[in-house]
PDB file of N, CA and C in Angstrom:
ATOM      1  N   LEU A   1      13.652  37.315  41.668  1.00  0.00           N
ATOM      2  CA  LEU A   1      13.879  36.123  42.475  1.00  0.00           C
ATOM      3  C   LEU A   1      13.881  34.877  41.598  1.00  0.00           C
ATOM      4  N   GLY A   2      12.936  34.769  40.693  1.00  0.00           N
ATOM      5  CA  GLY A   2      12.849  33.596  39.838  1.00  0.00           C
ATOM      6  C   GLY A   2      13.960  33.525  38.807  1.00  0.00           C
ATOM      7  N   ARG A   3      14.337  34.663  38.255  1.00  0.00           N
ATOM      8  CA  ARG A   3      15.403  34.673  37.253  1.00  0.00           C
ATOM      9  C   ARG A   3      16.736  34.304  37.884  1.00  0.00           C
ATOM     10  N   LEU A   4      16.955  34.799  39.096  1.00  0.00           N
ATOM     11  CA  LEU A   4      18.167  34.435  39.830  1.00  0.00           C
ATOM     12  C   LEU A   4      18.168  32.942  40.140  1.00  0.00           C
ATOM     13  N   ALA A   5      17.031  32.423  40.578  1.00  0.00           N
ATOM     14  CA  ALA A   5      16.946  31.017  40.967  1.00  0.00           C
ATOM     15  C   ALA A   5      17.169  30.080  39.781  1.00  0.00           C
ATOM     16  N   THR A   6      16.682  30.438  38.597  1.00  0.00           N
ATOM     17  CA  THR A   6      16.900  29.569  37.441  1.00  0.00           C
ATOM     18  C   THR A   6      18.368  29.517  37.058  1.00  0.00           C
ATOM     19  N   LYS A   7      19.031  30.663  37.107  1.00  0.00           N
ATOM     20  CA  LYS A   7      20.454  30.696  36.764  1.00  0.00           C
ATOM     21  C   LYS A   7      21.272  29.897  37.781  1.00  0.00           C
ATOM     22  N   VAL A   8      20.960  30.083  39.070  1.00  0.00           N
ATOM     23  CA  VAL A   8      21.699  29.400  40.131  1.00  0.00           C
ATOM     24  C   VAL A   8      21.451  27.895  40.083  1.00  0.00           C
ATOM     25  N   SER A   9      20.214  27.478  39.849  1.00  0.00           N
ATOM     26  CA  SER A   9      19.932  26.039  39.811  1.00  0.00           C
ATOM     27  C   SER A   9      20.662  25.367  38.647  1.00  0.00           C
ATOM     28  N   GLY A  10      20.782  26.048  37.523  1.00  0.00           N
ATOM     29  CA  GLY A  10      21.542  25.493  36.404  1.00  0.00           C
ATOM     30  C   GLY A  10      23.014  25.338  36.726  1.00  0.00           C
ATOM     31  N   LEU A  11      23.569  26.304  37.451  1.00  0.00           N
ATOM     32  CA  LEU A  11      24.974  26.209  37.859  1.00  0.00           C
ATOM     33  C   LEU A  11      25.185  25.093  38.872  1.00  0.00           C
ATOM     34  N   LEU A  12      24.247  24.939  39.803  1.00  0.00           N
ATOM     35  CA  LEU A  12      24.373  23.891  40.816  1.00  0.00           C
ATOM     36  C   LEU A  12      24.290  22.498  40.200  1.00  0.00           C
ATOM     37  N   MET A  13      23.484  22.356  39.151  1.00  0.00           N
ATOM     38  CA  MET A  13      23.349  21.059  38.495  1.00  0.00           C
ATOM     39  C   MET A  13      24.476  20.797  37.501  1.00  0.00           C
ATOM     40  N   GLY A  14      25.170  21.859  37.054  1.00  0.00           N
ATOM     41  CA  GLY A  14      26.234  21.698  36.073  1.00  0.00           C
ATOM     42  C   GLY A  14      25.718  21.608  34.654  1.00  0.00           C
ATOM     43  N   LYS A  15      24.584  22.242  34.375  1.00  0.00           N
ATOM     44  CA  LYS A  15      23.946  22.139  33.060  1.00  0.00           C
ATOM     45  C   LYS A  15      24.809  22.695  31.926  1.00  0.00           C
ATOM     46  N   GLY A  16      25.650  23.680  32.207  1.00  0.00           N
ATOM     47  CA  GLY A  16      26.449  24.283  31.150  1.00  0.00           C
ATOM     48  C   GLY A  16      27.745  23.559  30.860  1.00  0.00           C
ATOM     49  N   LYS A  17      28.035  22.501  31.569  1.00  0.00           N
ATOM     50  CA  LYS A  17      29.302  21.792  31.391  1.00  0.00           C
ATOM     51  C   LYS A  17      29.169  20.696  30.334  1.00  0.00           C
ATOM     52  N   PRO A  18      30.229  20.437  29.587  1.00  0.00           N
ATOM     53  CA  PRO A  18      30.159  19.354  28.604  1.00  0.00           C
ATOM     54  C   PRO A  18      30.103  17.971  29.251  1.00  0.00           C
ATOM     55  N   THR A  19      30.478  17.882  30.516  1.00  0.00           N
ATOM     56  CA  THR A  19      30.450  16.594  31.218  1.00  0.00           C
ATOM     57  C   THR A  19      29.154  16.388  31.989  1.00  0.00           C
ATOM     58  N   PHE A  20      28.116  17.169  31.691  1.00  0.00           N
ATOM     59  CA  PHE A  20      26.857  17.072  32.430  1.00  0.00           C
ATOM     60  C   PHE A  20      26.191  15.723  32.200  1.00  0.00           C
ATOM     61  N   ALA A  21      25.786  15.110  33.294  1.00  0.00           N
ATOM     62  CA  ALA A  21      24.963  13.904  33.256  1.00  0.00           C
ATOM     63  C   ALA A  21      23.968  14.039  34.393  1.00  0.00           C
ATOM     64  N   ASP A  22      22.701  13.759  34.127  1.00  0.00           N
ATOM     65  CA  ASP A  22      21.684  14.029  35.137  1.00  0.00           C
ATOM     66  C   ASP A  22      21.737  13.074  36.322  1.00  0.00           C
ATOM     67  N   HIS A  23      22.519  12.004  36.236  1.00  0.00           N
ATOM     68  CA  HIS A  23      22.631  11.086  37.365  1.00  0.00           C
ATOM     69  C   HIS A  23      23.879  11.346  38.215  1.00  0.00           C
ATOM     70  N   MET A  24      24.689  12.356  37.830  1.00  0.00           N
ATOM     71  CA  MET A  24      25.899  12.686  38.585  1.00  0.00           C
ATOM     72  C   MET A  24      25.840  14.128  39.060  1.00  0.00           C
ATOM     73  N   ASP A  25      26.503  14.394  40.169  1.00  0.00           N
ATOM     74  CA  ASP A  25      26.587  15.752  40.692  1.00  0.00           C
ATOM     75  C   ASP A  25      27.836  16.403  40.121  1.00  0.00           C
ATOM     76  N   SER A  26      27.678  17.157  39.050  1.00  0.00           N
ATOM     77  CA  SER A  26      28.826  17.792  38.402  1.00  0.00           C
ATOM     78  C   SER A  26      28.730  19.309  38.464  1.00  0.00           C
ATOM     79  N   GLY A  27      27.934  19.835  39.379  1.00  0.00           N
ATOM     80  CA  GLY A  27      27.727  21.268  39.467  1.00  0.00           C
ATOM     81  C   GLY A  27      28.817  21.984  40.233  1.00  0.00           C
ATOM     82  N   ASP A  28      28.741  23.305  40.221  1.00  0.00           N
ATOM     83  CA  ASP A  28      29.710  24.162  40.892  1.00  0.00           C
ATOM     84  C   ASP A  28      29.142  24.674  42.204  1.00  0.00           C
ATOM     85  N   PHE A  29      30.027  25.163  43.054  1.00  0.00           N
ATOM     86  CA  PHE A  29      29.605  25.874  44.248  1.00  0.00           C
ATOM     87  C   PHE A  29      29.164  27.271  43.832  1.00  0.00           C
ATOM     88  N   VAL A  30      28.111  27.782  44.446  1.00  0.00           N
ATOM     89  CA  VAL A  30      27.585  29.108  44.124  1.00  0.00           C
ATOM     90  C   VAL A  30      27.473  29.906  45.412  1.00  0.00           C
ATOM     91  N   ILE A  31      27.998  31.133  45.397  1.00  0.00           N
ATOM     92  CA  ILE A  31      27.928  32.032  46.545  1.00  0.00           C
ATOM     93  C   ILE A  31      27.070  33.222  46.140  1.00  0.00           C
ATOM     94  N   ILE A  32      26.014  33.481  46.898  1.00  0.00           N
ATOM     95  CA  ILE A  32      25.147  34.632  46.652  1.00  0.00           C
ATOM     96  C   ILE A  32      25.347  35.609  47.800  1.00  0.00           C
ATOM     97  N   VAL A  33      25.699  36.845  47.478  1.00  0.00           N
ATOM     98  CA  VAL A  33      25.872  37.882  48.495  1.00  0.00           C
ATOM     99  C   VAL A  33      24.789  38.938  48.314  1.00  0.00           C
ATOM    100  N   ASN A  34      24.600  39.757  49.322  1.00  0.00           N
ATOM    101  CA  ASN A  34      23.604  40.834  49.330  1.00  0.00           C
ATOM    102  C   ASN A  34      22.183  40.306  49.138  1.00  0.00           C
ATOM    103  N   ALA A  35      21.874  39.182  49.758  1.00  0.00           N
ATOM    104  CA  ALA A  35      20.524  38.626  49.666  1.00  0.00           C
ATOM    105  C   ALA A  35      19.516  39.513  50.384  1.00  0.00           C
ATOM    106  N   GLY A  36      19.967  40.326  51.311  1.00  0.00           N
ATOM    107  CA  GLY A  36      19.076  41.229  52.024  1.00  0.00           C
ATOM    108  C   GLY A  36      18.553  42.359  51.161  1.00  0.00           C
ATOM    109  N   LYS A  37      19.172  42.587  50.007  1.00  0.00           N
ATOM    110  CA  LYS A  37      18.751  43.656  49.100  1.00  0.00           C
ATOM    111  C   LYS A  37      17.880  43.126  47.964  1.00  0.00           C
ATOM    112  N   LEU A  38      17.253  41.987  48.163  1.00  0.00           N
ATOM    113  CA  LEU A  38      16.413  41.365  47.145  1.00  0.00           C
ATOM    114  C   LEU A  38      15.219  42.260  46.821  1.00  0.00           C
ATOM    115  N   VAL A  39      14.935  42.423  45.529  1.00  0.00           N
ATOM    116  CA  VAL A  39      13.815  43.242  45.073  1.00  0.00           C
ATOM    117  C   VAL A  39      12.866  42.355  44.279  1.00  0.00           C
ATOM    118  N   VAL A  40      11.581  42.417  44.606  1.00  0.00           N
ATOM    119  CA  VAL A  40      10.561  41.699  43.847  1.00  0.00           C
ATOM    120  C   VAL A  40       9.579  42.715  43.282  1.00  0.00           C
ATOM    121  N   THR A  41       8.997  42.398  42.126  1.00  0.00           N
ATOM    122  CA  THR A  41       8.100  43.334  41.470  1.00  0.00           C
ATOM    123  C   THR A  41       6.649  43.005  41.793  1.00  0.00           C
ATOM    124  N   GLY A  42       5.794  43.955  41.537  1.00  0.00           N
ATOM    125  CA  GLY A  42       4.363  43.757  41.749  1.00  0.00           C
ATOM    126  C   GLY A  42       4.015  43.657  43.220  1.00  0.00           C
ATOM    127  N   ASP A  43       2.921  42.958  43.496  1.00  0.00           N
ATOM    128  CA  ASP A  43       2.471  42.815  44.883  1.00  0.00           C
ATOM    129  C   ASP A  43       2.911  41.481  45.473  1.00  0.00           C
ATOM    130  N   ARG A  44       4.028  40.948  44.990  1.00  0.00           N
ATOM    131  CA  ARG A  44       4.525  39.659  45.465  1.00  0.00           C
ATOM    132  C   ARG A  44       4.840  39.662  46.959  1.00  0.00           C
ATOM    133  N   LEU A  45       5.243  40.790  47.506  1.00  0.00           N
ATOM    134  CA  LEU A  45       5.574  40.842  48.936  1.00  0.00           C
ATOM    135  C   LEU A  45       4.378  40.485  49.803  1.00  0.00           C
ATOM    136  N   LEU A  46       3.171  40.745  49.309  1.00  0.00           N
ATOM    137  CA  LEU A  46       1.970  40.461  50.091  1.00  0.00           C
ATOM    138  C   LEU A  46       1.194  39.250  49.579  1.00  0.00           C
ATOM    139  N   SER A  47       1.376  38.887  48.303  1.00  0.00           N
ATOM    140  CA  SER A  47       0.550  37.817  47.746  1.00  0.00           C
ATOM    141  C   SER A  47       1.241  36.453  47.725  1.00  0.00           C
ATOM    142  N   LYS A  48       2.558  36.422  47.604  1.00  0.00           N
ATOM    143  CA  LYS A  48       3.256  35.123  47.558  1.00  0.00           C
ATOM    144  C   LYS A  48       3.333  34.534  48.951  1.00  0.00           C
ATOM    145  N   ARG A  49       2.849  33.308  49.081  1.00  0.00           N
ATOM    146  CA  ARG A  49       2.803  32.653  50.394  1.00  0.00           C
ATOM    147  C   ARG A  49       3.642  31.386  50.385  1.00  0.00           C
ATOM    148  N   TYR A  50       4.331  31.178  51.485  1.00  0.00           N
ATOM    149  CA  TYR A  50       5.057  29.936  51.723  1.00  0.00           C
ATOM    150  C   TYR A  50       4.314  29.195  52.818  1.00  0.00           C
ATOM    151  N   HIS A  51       4.142  27.889  52.654  1.00  0.00           N
ATOM    152  CA  HIS A  51       3.381  27.146  53.650  1.00  0.00           C
ATOM    153  C   HIS A  51       4.086  25.848  53.993  1.00  0.00           C
ATOM    154  N   SER A  52       3.808  25.350  55.189  1.00  0.00           N
ATOM    155  CA  SER A  52       4.351  24.072  55.638  1.00  0.00           C
ATOM    156  C   SER A  52       3.388  23.470  56.644  1.00  0.00           C
ATOM    157  N   HIS A  53       3.515  22.179  56.835  1.00  0.00           N
ATOM    158  CA  HIS A  53       2.677  21.484  57.805  1.00  0.00           C
ATOM    159  C   HIS A  53       3.555  20.521  58.576  1.00  0.00           C
ATOM    160  N   SER A  54       3.434  20.539  59.892  1.00  0.00           N
ATOM    161  CA  SER A  54       4.278  19.700  60.734  1.00  0.00           C
ATOM    162  C   SER A  54       3.792  18.260  60.800  1.00  0.00           C
ATOM    163  N   GLY A  55       2.558  18.016  60.391  1.00  0.00           N
ATOM    164  CA  GLY A  55       1.996  16.680  60.478  1.00  0.00           C
ATOM    165  C   GLY A  55       1.125  16.498  61.707  1.00  0.00           C
ATOM    166  N   HIS A  56       1.180  17.428  62.625  1.00  0.00           N
ATOM    167  CA  HIS A  56       0.354  17.379  63.827  1.00  0.00           C
ATOM    168  C   HIS A  56      -0.919  18.195  63.606  1.00  0.00           C
ATOM    169  N   PRO A  57      -1.986  17.905  64.337  1.00  0.00           N
ATOM    170  CA  PRO A  57      -3.203  18.699  64.210  1.00  0.00           C
ATOM    171  C   PRO A  57      -2.935  20.167  64.539  1.00  0.00           C
ATOM    172  N   GLY A  58      -3.378  21.040  63.684  1.00  0.00           N
ATOM    173  CA  GLY A  58      -3.154  22.470  63.886  1.00  0.00           C
ATOM    174  C   GLY A  58      -1.746  22.900  63.534  1.00  0.00           C
ATOM    175  N   GLY A  59      -0.999  22.074  62.816  1.00  0.00           N
ATOM    176  CA  GLY A  59       0.394  22.372  62.516  1.00  0.00           C
ATOM    177  C   GLY A  59       0.622  23.056  61.184  1.00  0.00           C
ATOM    178  N   TYR A  60      -0.418  23.638  60.606  1.00  0.00           N
ATOM    179  CA  TYR A  60      -0.286  24.331  59.328  1.00  0.00           C
ATOM    180  C   TYR A  60       0.219  25.741  59.568  1.00  0.00           C
ATOM    181  N   LYS A  61       1.311  26.106  58.897  1.00  0.00           N
ATOM    182  CA  LYS A  61       1.859  27.454  59.026  1.00  0.00           C
ATOM    183  C   LYS A  61       2.001  28.047  57.638  1.00  0.00           C
ATOM    184  N   GLN A  62       1.678  29.327  57.534  1.00  0.00           N
ATOM    185  CA  GLN A  62       1.909  30.023  56.281  1.00  0.00           C
ATOM    186  C   GLN A  62       2.480  31.398  56.573  1.00  0.00           C
ATOM    187  N   GLU A  63       3.260  31.886  55.618  1.00  0.00           N
ATOM    188  CA  GLU A  63       3.961  33.147  55.797  1.00  0.00           C
ATOM    189  C   GLU A  63       4.058  33.826  54.437  1.00  0.00           C
ATOM    190  N   VAL A  64       3.864  35.136  54.397  1.00  0.00           N
ATOM    191  CA  VAL A  64       3.983  35.863  53.139  1.00  0.00           C
ATOM    192  C   VAL A  64       5.452  36.199  52.898  1.00  0.00           C
ATOM    193  N   LEU A  65       5.780  36.475  51.651  1.00  0.00           N
ATOM    194  CA  LEU A  65       7.162  36.728  51.261  1.00  0.00           C
ATOM    195  C   LEU A  65       7.756  37.929  51.990  1.00  0.00           C
ATOM    196  N   GLY A  66       6.970  38.966  52.196  1.00  0.00           N
ATOM    197  CA  GLY A  66       7.478  40.153  52.885  1.00  0.00           C
ATOM    198  C   GLY A  66       7.942  39.852  54.298  1.00  0.00           C
ATOM    199  N   ASP A  67       7.159  39.049  55.026  1.00  0.00           N
ATOM    200  CA  ASP A  67       7.554  38.678  56.387  1.00  0.00           C
ATOM    201  C   ASP A  67       8.781  37.774  56.380  1.00  0.00           C
ATOM    202  N   LEU A  68       8.858  36.872  55.408  1.00  0.00           N
ATOM    203  CA  LEU A  68      10.003  35.972  55.318  1.00  0.00           C
ATOM    204  C   LEU A  68      11.285  36.744  55.022  1.00  0.00           C
ATOM    205  N   LEU A  69      11.201  37.751  54.150  1.00  0.00           N
ATOM    206  CA  LEU A  69      12.383  38.551  53.829  1.00  0.00           C
ATOM    207  C   LEU A  69      12.860  39.362  55.029  1.00  0.00           C
ATOM    208  N   GLN A  70      11.934  39.812  55.867  1.00  0.00           N
ATOM    209  CA  GLN A  70      12.339  40.543  57.071  1.00  0.00           C
ATOM    210  C   GLN A  70      12.953  39.612  58.101  1.00  0.00           C
ATOM    211  N   ARG A  71      12.380  38.424  58.248  1.00  0.00           N
ATOM    212  CA  ARG A  71      12.846  37.484  59.266  1.00  0.00           C
ATOM    213  C   ARG A  71      14.160  36.826  58.867  1.00  0.00           C
ATOM    214  N   LYS A  72      14.228  36.311  57.646  1.00  0.00           N
ATOM    215  CA  LYS A  72      15.419  35.596  57.179  1.00  0.00           C
ATOM    216  C   LYS A  72      15.525  35.773  55.665  1.00  0.00           C
ATOM    217  N   PRO A  73      16.239  36.790  55.187  1.00  0.00           N
ATOM    218  CA  PRO A  73      16.258  37.086  53.753  1.00  0.00           C
ATOM    219  C   PRO A  73      16.897  35.992  52.899  1.00  0.00           C
ATOM    220  N   THR A  74      17.759  35.175  53.469  1.00  0.00           N
ATOM    221  CA  THR A  74      18.402  34.129  52.677  1.00  0.00           C
ATOM    222  C   THR A  74      17.463  32.960  52.391  1.00  0.00           C
ATOM    223  N   GLU A  75      16.448  32.789  53.210  1.00  0.00           N
ATOM    224  CA  GLU A  75      15.552  31.634  53.086  1.00  0.00           C
ATOM    225  C   GLU A  75      14.699  31.699  51.818  1.00  0.00           C
ATOM    226  N   ALA A  76      14.295  32.891  51.398  1.00  0.00           N
ATOM    227  CA  ALA A  76      13.463  33.018  50.198  1.00  0.00           C
ATOM    228  C   ALA A  76      14.234  32.561  48.960  1.00  0.00           C
ATOM    229  N   ILE A  77      15.501  32.928  48.873  1.00  0.00           N
ATOM    230  CA  ILE A  77      16.314  32.511  47.731  1.00  0.00           C
ATOM    231  C   ILE A  77      16.561  31.008  47.785  1.00  0.00           C
ATOM    232  N   ARG A  78      16.845  30.478  48.966  1.00  0.00           N
ATOM    233  CA  ARG A  78      17.109  29.048  49.099  1.00  0.00           C
ATOM    234  C   ARG A  78      15.892  28.222  48.689  1.00  0.00           C
ATOM    235  N   ARG A  79      14.707  28.653  49.091  1.00  0.00           N
ATOM    236  CA  ARG A  79      13.486  27.921  48.731  1.00  0.00           C
ATOM    237  C   ARG A  79      13.209  27.991  47.242  1.00  0.00           C
ATOM    238  N   ALA A  80      13.473  29.150  46.628  1.00  0.00           N
ATOM    239  CA  ALA A  80      13.241  29.286  45.190  1.00  0.00           C
ATOM    240  C   ALA A  80      14.185  28.384  44.399  1.00  0.00           C
ATOM    241  N   VAL A  81      15.447  28.332  44.811  1.00  0.00           N
ATOM    242  CA  VAL A  81      16.421  27.494  44.112  1.00  0.00           C
ATOM    243  C   VAL A  81      16.116  26.021  44.344  1.00  0.00           C
ATOM    244  N   LYS A  82      15.775  25.657  45.565  1.00  0.00           N
ATOM    245  CA  LYS A  82      15.493  24.256  45.885  1.00  0.00           C
ATOM    246  C   LYS A  82      14.298  23.738  45.090  1.00  0.00           C
ATOM    247  N   GLY A  83      13.317  24.594  44.837  1.00  0.00           N
ATOM    248  CA  GLY A  83      12.162  24.187  44.050  1.00  0.00           C
ATOM    249  C   GLY A  83      12.489  23.927  42.591  1.00  0.00           C
ATOM    250  N   MET A  84      13.615  24.452  42.110  1.00  0.00           N
ATOM    251  CA  MET A  84      14.007  24.263  40.714  1.00  0.00           C
ATOM    252  C   MET A  84      15.027  23.151  40.526  1.00  0.00           C
ATOM    253  N   LEU A  85      15.463  22.532  41.606  1.00  0.00           N
ATOM    254  CA  LEU A  85      16.379  21.399  41.511  1.00  0.00           C
ATOM    255  C   LEU A  85      15.575  20.113  41.349  1.00  0.00           C
ATOM    256  N   PRO A  86      16.193  19.047  40.838  1.00  0.00           N
ATOM    257  CA  PRO A  86      15.454  17.791  40.686  1.00  0.00           C
ATOM    258  C   PRO A  86      15.044  17.227  42.040  1.00  0.00           C
ATOM    259  N   LYS A  87      13.931  16.528  42.053  1.00  0.00           N
ATOM    260  CA  LYS A  87      13.407  15.977  43.313  1.00  0.00           C
ATOM    261  C   LYS A  87      13.997  14.587  43.550  1.00  0.00           C
ATOM    262  N   THR A  88      15.323  14.518  43.638  1.00  0.00           N
ATOM    263  CA  THR A  88      16.026  13.259  43.857  1.00  0.00           C
ATOM    264  C   THR A  88      17.018  13.425  44.995  1.00  0.00           C
ATOM    265  N   LYS A  89      17.780  12.372  45.266  1.00  0.00           N
ATOM    266  CA  LYS A  89      18.803  12.448  46.306  1.00  0.00           C
ATOM    267  C   LYS A  89      19.910  13.423  45.937  1.00  0.00           C
ATOM    268  N   LEU A  90      20.114  13.646  44.648  1.00  0.00           N
ATOM    269  CA  LEU A  90      21.150  14.577  44.209  1.00  0.00           C
ATOM    270  C   LEU A  90      20.846  16.007  44.628  1.00  0.00           C
ATOM    271  N   ALA A  91      19.578  16.345  44.781  1.00  0.00           N
ATOM    272  CA  ALA A  91      19.212  17.709  45.151  1.00  0.00           C
ATOM    273  C   ALA A  91      19.777  18.077  46.513  1.00  0.00           C
ATOM    274  N   THR A  92      19.872  17.117  47.428  1.00  0.00           N
ATOM    275  CA  THR A  92      20.435  17.390  48.746  1.00  0.00           C
ATOM    276  C   THR A  92      21.899  17.775  48.630  1.00  0.00           C
ATOM    277  N   ALA A  93      22.647  17.059  47.814  1.00  0.00           N
ATOM    278  CA  ALA A  93      24.061  17.380  47.617  1.00  0.00           C
ATOM    279  C   ALA A  93      24.223  18.690  46.864  1.00  0.00           C
ATOM    280  N   GLN A  94      23.324  18.962  45.934  1.00  0.00           N
ATOM    281  CA  GLN A  94      23.434  20.180  45.143  1.00  0.00           C
ATOM    282  C   GLN A  94      23.084  21.410  45.962  1.00  0.00           C
ATOM    283  N   ILE A  95      22.085  21.326  46.832  1.00  0.00           N
ATOM    284  CA  ILE A  95      21.694  22.496  47.626  1.00  0.00           C
ATOM    285  C   ILE A  95      22.751  22.811  48.682  1.00  0.00           C
ATOM    286  N   ARG A  96      23.558  21.816  49.066  1.00  0.00           N
ATOM    287  CA  ARG A  96      24.652  22.074  50.004  1.00  0.00           C
ATOM    288  C   ARG A  96      25.740  22.927  49.383  1.00  0.00           C
ATOM    289  N   LYS A  97      25.816  22.946  48.061  1.00  0.00           N
ATOM    290  CA  LYS A  97      26.819  23.750  47.368  1.00  0.00           C
ATOM    291  C   LYS A  97      26.399  25.208  47.234  1.00  0.00           C
ATOM    292  N   LEU A  98      25.214  25.544  47.696  1.00  0.00           N
ATOM    293  CA  LEU A  98      24.710  26.910  47.619  1.00  0.00           C
ATOM    294  C   LEU A  98      24.979  27.625  48.932  1.00  0.00           C
ATOM    295  N   LYS A  99      25.699  28.729  48.869  1.00  0.00           N
ATOM    296  CA  LYS A  99      26.008  29.534  50.049  1.00  0.00           C
ATOM    297  C   LYS A  99      25.380  30.908  49.844  1.00  0.00           C
ATOM    298  N   ILE A 100      24.519  31.325  50.776  1.00  0.00           N
ATOM    299  CA  ILE A 100      23.795  32.589  50.649  1.00  0.00           C
ATOM    300  C   ILE A 100      24.114  33.452  51.857  1.00  0.00           C
ATOM    301  N   TYR A 101      24.441  34.722  51.619  1.00  0.00           N
ATOM    302  CA  TYR A 101      24.764  35.662  52.686  1.00  0.00           C
ATOM    303  C   TYR A 101      23.949  36.935  52.493  1.00  0.00           C
ATOM    304  N   ALA A 102      23.416  37.459  53.594  1.00  0.00           N
ATOM    305  CA  ALA A 102      22.563  38.649  53.533  1.00  0.00           C
ATOM    306  C   ALA A 102      23.371  39.897  53.207  1.00  0.00           C
ATOM    307  N   GLY A 103      24.617  39.957  53.640  1.00  0.00           N
ATOM    308  CA  GLY A 103      25.470  41.116  53.394  1.00  0.00           C
ATOM    309  C   GLY A 103      26.473  40.859  52.282  1.00  0.00           C
ATOM    310  N   ALA A 104      27.411  41.799  52.151  1.00  0.00           N
ATOM    311  CA  ALA A 104      28.414  41.695  51.092  1.00  0.00           C
ATOM    312  C   ALA A 104      29.603  40.834  51.495  1.00  0.00           C
ATOM    313  N   GLU A 105      29.801  40.597  52.792  1.00  0.00           N
ATOM    314  CA  GLU A 105      30.953  39.829  53.252  1.00  0.00           C
ATOM    315  C   GLU A 105      30.638  38.337  53.256  1.00  0.00           C
ATOM    316  N   HIS A 106      31.639  37.546  52.895  1.00  0.00           N
ATOM    317  CA  HIS A 106      31.517  36.092  52.977  1.00  0.00           C
ATOM    318  C   HIS A 106      32.891  35.510  53.300  1.00  0.00           C
ATOM    319  N   PRO A 107      32.932  34.331  53.936  1.00  0.00           N
ATOM    320  CA  PRO A 107      34.210  33.753  54.345  1.00  0.00           C
ATOM    321  C   PRO A 107      34.913  32.937  53.256  1.00  0.00           C
ATOM    322  N   HIS A 108      34.498  33.058  52.011  1.00  0.00           N
ATOM    323  CA  HIS A 108      35.051  32.225  50.949  1.00  0.00           C
ATOM    324  C   HIS A 108      36.068  32.961  50.083  1.00  0.00           C
ATOM    325  N   ALA A 109      36.628  34.056  50.577  1.00  0.00           N
ATOM    326  CA  ALA A 109      37.610  34.819  49.806  1.00  0.00           C
ATOM    327  C   ALA A 109      38.870  34.013  49.486  1.00  0.00           C
ATOM    328  N   PRO A 110      39.382  33.147  50.386  1.00  0.00           N
ATOM    329  CA  PRO A 110      40.581  32.374  50.029  1.00  0.00           C
ATOM    330  C   PRO A 110      40.387  31.438  48.832  1.00  0.00           C
ATOM    331  N   GLN A 111      39.158  31.059  48.522  1.00  0.00           N
ATOM    332  CA  GLN A 111      38.909  30.197  47.370  1.00  0.00           C
ATOM    333  C   GLN A 111      38.863  30.980  46.054  1.00  0.00           C
ATOM    334  N   ARG A 112      38.951  32.300  46.113  1.00  0.00           N
ATOM    335  CA  ARG A 112      38.932  33.200  44.964  1.00  0.00           C
ATOM    336  C   ARG A 112      37.756  32.922  44.025  1.00  0.00           C
ATOM    337  N   PRO A 113      36.510  33.153  44.488  1.00  0.00           N
ATOM    338  CA  PRO A 113      35.349  32.915  43.618  1.00  0.00           C
ATOM    339  C   PRO A 113      35.289  33.919  42.470  1.00  0.00           C
ATOM    340  N   GLU A 114      34.740  33.477  41.360  1.00  0.00           N
ATOM    341  CA  GLU A 114      34.601  34.329  40.181  1.00  0.00           C
ATOM    342  C   GLU A 114      33.204  34.933  40.152  1.00  0.00           C
ATOM    343  N   PRO A 115      33.089  36.262  40.023  1.00  0.00           N
ATOM    344  CA  PRO A 115      31.747  36.867  39.933  1.00  0.00           C
ATOM    345  C   PRO A 115      31.099  36.563  38.579  1.00  0.00           C
ATOM    346  N   LEU A 116      29.776  36.349  38.618  1.00  0.00           N
ATOM    347  CA  LEU A 116      29.042  36.043  37.392  1.00  0.00           C
ATOM    348  C   LEU A 116      28.291  37.236  36.825  1.00  0.00           C
ATOM    349  N   ALA A 117      28.043  38.232  37.619  1.00  0.00           N
ATOM    350  CA  ALA A 117      27.359  39.466  37.215  1.00  0.00           C
ATOM    351  C   ALA A 117      26.034  39.494  37.851  1.00  0.00           C
TER     352      ALA A 117
END
């Protein structure tokens, strides 16, 4: 999960391009397929926790990675990538360029995406 997220975040930011500038959005669109087949090593399925708070009393929620993958497998990848993007306004535009699908099918075939491996 982490190795995938680092590679994807670099592509979204445009780090490999000669025209890279950290104040401009020069990244590429990234399509991730088969997110439902994500494999994590060790006991991460039970030990890694995601948490949020609504701001209201009693609004603290936490969820383990295993439950998140069963409920919404694309969300774990999106959160990992979002955590590796810069914490600026550009991150919102960059995360919009990330398309994640649980299965092998995606509606972006007319754009002829290039597989990265």
